[in-house]
Amino acid sequence: MAEQDKDLSSKLGIDISDNKINIDLNQTRNFLNTIKQTFDDTAQNIQKDISEGKVDMAKNVGIKVDKENINIDLGKTKSFVEDMGKKIESFLAEIDKAVDNIDKK
């Protein structure tokens, strides 16, 4: 098993040795809760930055909202969604890869 896969397995509470798989459910739960908390914190920080005007939604995402209008630049929004989708796909691919390596053991 590659070192990167061992590191992820260790963080997930999974030990593969001597033709056995041991899963520490508490450690797995803690790892997933940490990921959830990271996503929650990031979402809150983004929301805070947007509400404080630190992020220009019109420039970065293509959405501008004022008292009378909502303007959406579909090109910018599409680009933003595609970039976010690629990041999520990459993250999920790493998890799939680790799971596949575990399945092979």
N, C-alpha and C. Protein backbone atom coordinates (compact mmCIF):
# COMPACT_ATOMS: atom_id res chain seq x y z
N MET A 1 0.85 -1.17 0.00
CA MET A 1 0.00 0.00 0.00
C MET A 1 0.89 1.24 0.00
N ALA A 2 0.55 2.21 -0.84
CA ALA A 2 1.34 3.44 -0.92
C ALA A 2 1.25 4.22 0.39
N GLU A 3 2.27 5.01 0.66
CA GLU A 3 2.34 5.76 1.91
C GLU A 3 1.15 6.70 2.07
N GLN A 4 0.73 7.34 0.98
CA GLN A 4 -0.41 8.25 1.03
C GLN A 4 -1.69 7.49 1.42
N ASP A 5 -1.86 6.28 0.88
CA ASP A 5 -3.02 5.48 1.20
C ASP A 5 -2.99 5.02 2.66
N LYS A 6 -1.79 4.69 3.15
CA LYS A 6 -1.65 4.29 4.55
C LYS A 6 -2.03 5.44 5.47
N ASP A 7 -1.61 6.65 5.08
CA ASP A 7 -1.91 7.83 5.89
C ASP A 7 -3.42 8.06 5.96
N LEU A 8 -4.11 7.97 4.82
CA LEU A 8 -5.55 8.15 4.80
C LEU A 8 -6.23 7.04 5.59
N SER A 9 -5.78 5.80 5.41
CA SER A 9 -6.36 4.68 6.14
C SER A 9 -6.20 4.87 7.64
N SER A 10 -5.04 5.35 8.03
CA SER A 10 -4.77 5.60 9.45
C SER A 10 -5.71 6.67 9.99
N LYS A 11 -5.90 7.74 9.23
CA LYS A 11 -6.80 8.81 9.67
C LYS A 11 -8.24 8.32 9.77
N LEU A 12 -8.61 7.38 8.89
CA LEU A 12 -9.97 6.85 8.91
C LEU A 12 -10.15 5.77 9.97
N GLY A 13 -9.07 5.37 10.62
CA GLY A 13 -9.16 4.33 11.64
C GLY A 13 -9.17 2.93 11.07
N ILE A 14 -8.58 2.77 9.89
CA ILE A 14 -8.56 1.47 9.21
C ILE A 14 -7.14 0.92 9.24
N ASP A 15 -7.01 -0.31 9.74
CA ASP A 15 -5.72 -0.99 9.80
C ASP A 15 -5.83 -2.29 9.00
N ILE A 16 -4.95 -2.42 8.02
CA ILE A 16 -4.94 -3.63 7.20
C ILE A 16 -3.60 -4.32 7.42
N SER A 17 -3.65 -5.49 8.03
CA SER A 17 -2.42 -6.25 8.24
C SER A 17 -2.78 -7.70 8.51
N ASP A 18 -1.86 -8.57 8.20
CA ASP A 18 -2.04 -10.01 8.43
C ASP A 18 -3.36 -10.52 7.87
N ASN A 19 -3.68 -10.09 6.65
CA ASN A 19 -4.91 -10.51 5.96
C ASN A 19 -6.19 -10.19 6.75
N LYS A 20 -6.13 -9.17 7.57
CA LYS A 20 -7.28 -8.73 8.35
C LYS A 20 -7.46 -7.23 8.19
N ILE A 21 -8.70 -6.82 8.27
CA ILE A 21 -9.03 -5.40 8.26
C ILE A 21 -9.70 -5.07 9.58
N ASN A 22 -9.13 -4.13 10.30
CA ASN A 22 -9.71 -3.65 11.55
C ASN A 22 -10.12 -2.20 11.35
N ILE A 23 -11.36 -1.89 11.73
CA ILE A 23 -11.88 -0.54 11.56
C ILE A 23 -12.28 0.00 12.93
N ASP A 24 -11.65 1.09 13.32
CA ASP A 24 -11.98 1.78 14.57
C ASP A 24 -13.09 2.78 14.24
N LEU A 25 -14.33 2.40 14.55
CA LEU A 25 -15.48 3.23 14.17
C LEU A 25 -15.45 4.61 14.84
N ASN A 26 -14.93 4.69 16.05
CA ASN A 26 -14.83 6.00 16.71
C ASN A 26 -13.88 6.91 15.95
N GLN A 27 -12.75 6.37 15.51
CA GLN A 27 -11.79 7.18 14.77
C GLN A 27 -12.37 7.57 13.40
N THR A 28 -13.09 6.64 12.76
CA THR A 28 -13.72 6.94 11.47
C THR A 28 -14.75 8.05 11.65
N ARG A 29 -15.57 7.94 12.69
CA ARG A 29 -16.58 8.96 12.98
C ARG A 29 -15.92 10.31 13.25
N ASN A 30 -14.84 10.30 14.04
CA ASN A 30 -14.14 11.55 14.34
C ASN A 30 -13.58 12.18 13.08
N PHE A 31 -13.00 11.36 12.18
CA PHE A 31 -12.45 11.87 10.92
C PHE A 31 -13.55 12.52 10.08
N LEU A 32 -14.68 11.82 9.94
CA LEU A 32 -15.78 12.36 9.14
C LEU A 32 -16.38 13.61 9.78
N ASN A 33 -16.46 13.63 11.11
CA ASN A 33 -16.94 14.83 11.79
C ASN A 33 -16.00 16.01 11.59
N THR A 34 -14.70 15.73 11.55
CA THR A 34 -13.71 16.78 11.30
C THR A 34 -13.88 17.35 9.90
N ILE A 35 -14.10 16.48 8.92
CA ILE A 35 -14.34 16.94 7.54
C ILE A 35 -15.61 17.79 7.50
N LYS A 36 -16.67 17.31 8.15
CA LYS A 36 -17.93 18.06 8.18
C LYS A 36 -17.72 19.43 8.81
N GLN A 37 -17.01 19.48 9.92
CA GLN A 37 -16.76 20.75 10.60
C GLN A 37 -15.95 21.70 9.72
N THR A 38 -14.97 21.13 8.99
CA THR A 38 -14.17 21.95 8.08
C THR A 38 -15.04 22.56 7.00
N PHE A 39 -15.96 21.76 6.42
CA PHE A 39 -16.87 22.27 5.40
C PHE A 39 -17.80 23.34 6.00
N ASP A 40 -18.32 23.08 7.20
CA ASP A 40 -19.20 24.06 7.85
C ASP A 40 -18.46 25.37 8.11
N ASP A 41 -17.25 25.27 8.64
CA ASP A 41 -16.45 26.48 8.94
C ASP A 41 -16.16 27.25 7.66
N THR A 42 -15.78 26.54 6.61
CA THR A 42 -15.48 27.19 5.33
C THR A 42 -16.71 27.90 4.79
N ALA A 43 -17.86 27.24 4.84
CA ALA A 43 -19.10 27.85 4.35
C ALA A 43 -19.44 29.10 5.15
N GLN A 44 -19.26 29.05 6.48
CA GLN A 44 -19.54 30.21 7.31
C GLN A 44 -18.58 31.36 7.00
N ASN A 45 -17.30 31.03 6.79
CA ASN A 45 -16.33 32.07 6.46
C ASN A 45 -16.64 32.71 5.12
N ILE A 46 -17.04 31.90 4.15
CA ILE A 46 -17.40 32.44 2.83
C ILE A 46 -18.62 33.35 2.97
N GLN A 47 -19.63 32.90 3.71
CA GLN A 47 -20.82 33.71 3.90
C GLN A 47 -20.48 35.03 4.60
N LYS A 48 -19.61 34.96 5.60
CA LYS A 48 -19.20 36.17 6.32
C LYS A 48 -18.46 37.13 5.38
N ASP A 49 -17.54 36.59 4.59
CA ASP A 49 -16.78 37.42 3.65
C ASP A 49 -17.70 38.07 2.62
N ILE A 50 -18.70 37.33 2.16
CA ILE A 50 -19.64 37.88 1.19
C ILE A 50 -20.46 38.99 1.82
N SER A 51 -20.97 38.74 3.04
CA SER A 51 -21.82 39.75 3.70
C SER A 51 -21.03 41.00 4.06
N GLU A 52 -19.72 40.86 4.32
CA GLU A 52 -18.88 42.01 4.65
C GLU A 52 -18.31 42.68 3.41
N GLY A 53 -18.62 42.14 2.24
CA GLY A 53 -18.14 42.72 1.00
C GLY A 53 -16.70 42.40 0.66
N LYS A 54 -16.13 41.41 1.33
CA LYS A 54 -14.74 41.04 1.07
C LYS A 54 -14.61 40.21 -0.21
N VAL A 55 -15.70 39.57 -0.62
CA VAL A 55 -15.72 38.78 -1.84
C VAL A 55 -16.67 39.46 -2.81
N ASP A 56 -16.20 39.71 -4.00
CA ASP A 56 -17.02 40.34 -5.02
C ASP A 56 -17.75 39.24 -5.80
N MET A 57 -18.99 38.98 -5.41
CA MET A 57 -19.76 37.91 -6.05
C MET A 57 -19.92 38.16 -7.55
N ALA A 58 -20.08 39.41 -7.93
CA ALA A 58 -20.25 39.71 -9.36
C ALA A 58 -18.99 39.34 -10.13
N LYS A 59 -17.83 39.63 -9.54
CA LYS A 59 -16.57 39.34 -10.22
C LYS A 59 -16.22 37.86 -10.17
N ASN A 60 -16.36 37.21 -9.00
CA ASN A 60 -15.91 35.84 -8.81
C ASN A 60 -16.93 34.79 -9.25
N VAL A 61 -18.20 35.04 -9.02
CA VAL A 61 -19.22 34.03 -9.28
C VAL A 61 -20.18 34.46 -10.38
N GLY A 62 -20.24 35.74 -10.67
CA GLY A 62 -21.12 36.22 -11.72
C GLY A 62 -22.52 36.56 -11.24
N ILE A 63 -22.68 36.79 -9.93
CA ILE A 63 -23.99 37.11 -9.38
C ILE A 63 -23.91 38.45 -8.66
N LYS A 64 -24.78 39.37 -9.06
CA LYS A 64 -24.84 40.69 -8.42
C LYS A 64 -26.28 40.93 -7.98
N VAL A 65 -26.44 41.26 -6.71
CA VAL A 65 -27.78 41.48 -6.15
C VAL A 65 -27.81 42.88 -5.55
N ASP A 66 -28.82 43.66 -5.93
CA ASP A 66 -29.06 44.95 -5.28
C ASP A 66 -30.54 45.03 -4.93
N LYS A 67 -31.00 46.18 -4.49
CA LYS A 67 -32.37 46.30 -4.01
C LYS A 67 -33.41 46.09 -5.11
N GLU A 68 -33.03 46.32 -6.36
CA GLU A 68 -34.01 46.26 -7.43
C GLU A 68 -33.77 45.13 -8.44
N ASN A 69 -32.56 44.62 -8.49
CA ASN A 69 -32.24 43.64 -9.53
C ASN A 69 -31.36 42.51 -9.02
N ILE A 70 -31.46 41.39 -9.71
CA ILE A 70 -30.52 40.30 -9.55
C ILE A 70 -29.95 40.05 -10.95
N ASN A 71 -28.65 40.25 -11.09
CA ASN A 71 -27.98 40.03 -12.37
C ASN A 71 -27.09 38.81 -12.26
N ILE A 72 -27.25 37.89 -13.21
CA ILE A 72 -26.46 36.66 -13.20
C ILE A 72 -25.73 36.56 -14.53
N ASP A 73 -24.40 36.52 -14.45
CA ASP A 73 -23.56 36.29 -15.62
C ASP A 73 -23.38 34.79 -15.73
N LEU A 74 -24.13 34.16 -16.62
CA LEU A 74 -24.13 32.70 -16.71
C LEU A 74 -22.76 32.14 -17.05
N GLY A 75 -21.97 32.87 -17.80
CA GLY A 75 -20.62 32.41 -18.14
C GLY A 75 -19.75 32.29 -16.90
N LYS A 76 -19.76 33.32 -16.07
CA LYS A 76 -18.95 33.30 -14.84
C LYS A 76 -19.50 32.28 -13.85
N THR A 77 -20.83 32.21 -13.74
CA THR A 77 -21.44 31.26 -12.81
C THR A 77 -21.13 29.84 -13.24
N LYS A 78 -21.23 29.57 -14.53
CA LYS A 78 -20.92 28.23 -15.05
C LYS A 78 -19.47 27.87 -14.75
N SER A 79 -18.58 28.80 -14.97
CA SER A 79 -17.16 28.56 -14.71
C SER A 79 -16.92 28.26 -13.23
N PHE A 80 -17.56 29.04 -12.36
CA PHE A 80 -17.43 28.83 -10.92
C PHE A 80 -17.94 27.44 -10.52
N VAL A 81 -19.12 27.08 -11.00
CA VAL A 81 -19.71 25.78 -10.67
C VAL A 81 -18.84 24.64 -11.21
N GLU A 82 -18.31 24.80 -12.42
CA GLU A 82 -17.44 23.77 -12.99
C GLU A 82 -16.17 23.60 -12.17
N ASP A 83 -15.57 24.72 -11.77
CA ASP A 83 -14.36 24.65 -10.93
C ASP A 83 -14.64 23.97 -9.60
N MET A 84 -15.76 24.34 -8.97
CA MET A 84 -16.13 23.72 -7.70
C MET A 84 -16.39 22.23 -7.90
N GLY A 85 -17.06 21.88 -8.99
CA GLY A 85 -17.34 20.48 -9.28
C GLY A 85 -16.06 19.67 -9.46
N LYS A 86 -15.08 20.25 -10.14
CA LYS A 86 -13.79 19.56 -10.33
C LYS A 86 -13.09 19.32 -9.01
N LYS A 87 -13.15 20.30 -8.11
CA LYS A 87 -12.52 20.14 -6.80
C LYS A 87 -13.21 19.03 -6.01
N ILE A 88 -14.53 18.99 -6.05
CA ILE A 88 -15.27 17.95 -5.35
C ILE A 88 -14.98 16.59 -5.96
N GLU A 89 -14.95 16.51 -7.30
CA GLU A 89 -14.63 15.24 -7.97
C GLU A 89 -13.24 14.75 -7.59
N SER A 90 -12.29 15.64 -7.51
CA SER A 90 -10.93 15.27 -7.13
C SER A 90 -10.90 14.71 -5.72
N PHE A 91 -11.60 15.36 -4.81
CA PHE A 91 -11.67 14.90 -3.42
C PHE A 91 -12.30 13.51 -3.36
N LEU A 92 -13.42 13.32 -4.06
CA LEU A 92 -14.10 12.03 -4.06
C LEU A 92 -13.26 10.95 -4.74
N ALA A 93 -12.51 11.32 -5.77
CA ALA A 93 -11.64 10.35 -6.45
C ALA A 93 -10.56 9.84 -5.50
N GLU A 94 -10.03 10.71 -4.66
CA GLU A 94 -9.03 10.27 -3.69
C GLU A 94 -9.62 9.29 -2.68
N ILE A 95 -10.84 9.56 -2.25
CA ILE A 95 -11.50 8.64 -1.34
C ILE A 95 -11.78 7.31 -2.03
N ASP A 96 -12.28 7.35 -3.28
CA ASP A 96 -12.52 6.12 -4.05
C ASP A 96 -11.25 5.31 -4.22
N LYS A 97 -10.16 6.00 -4.51
CA LYS A 97 -8.87 5.33 -4.70
C LYS A 97 -8.44 4.61 -3.42
N ALA A 98 -8.60 5.28 -2.30
CA ALA A 98 -8.24 4.66 -1.02
C ALA A 98 -9.13 3.45 -0.74
N VAL A 99 -10.41 3.57 -1.02
CA VAL A 99 -11.34 2.46 -0.81
C VAL A 99 -11.00 1.29 -1.73
N ASP A 100 -10.68 1.58 -3.00
CA ASP A 100 -10.28 0.52 -3.95
C ASP A 100 -9.03 -0.21 -3.45
N ASN A 101 -8.07 0.53 -2.93
CA ASN A 101 -6.86 -0.10 -2.41
C ASN A 101 -7.17 -0.97 -1.22
N ILE A 102 -8.11 -0.54 -0.39
CA ILE A 102 -8.51 -1.35 0.75
C ILE A 102 -9.20 -2.62 0.26
N ASP A 103 -10.05 -2.49 -0.76
CA ASP A 103 -10.76 -3.66 -1.32
C ASP A 103 -9.79 -4.69 -1.88
N LYS A 104 -8.67 -4.22 -2.45
CA LYS A 104 -7.68 -5.13 -3.03
C LYS A 104 -6.94 -5.93 -1.98
N LYS A 105 -6.86 -5.40 -0.78
CA LYS A 105 -6.15 -6.09 0.31
C LYS A 105 -7.03 -7.19 0.80
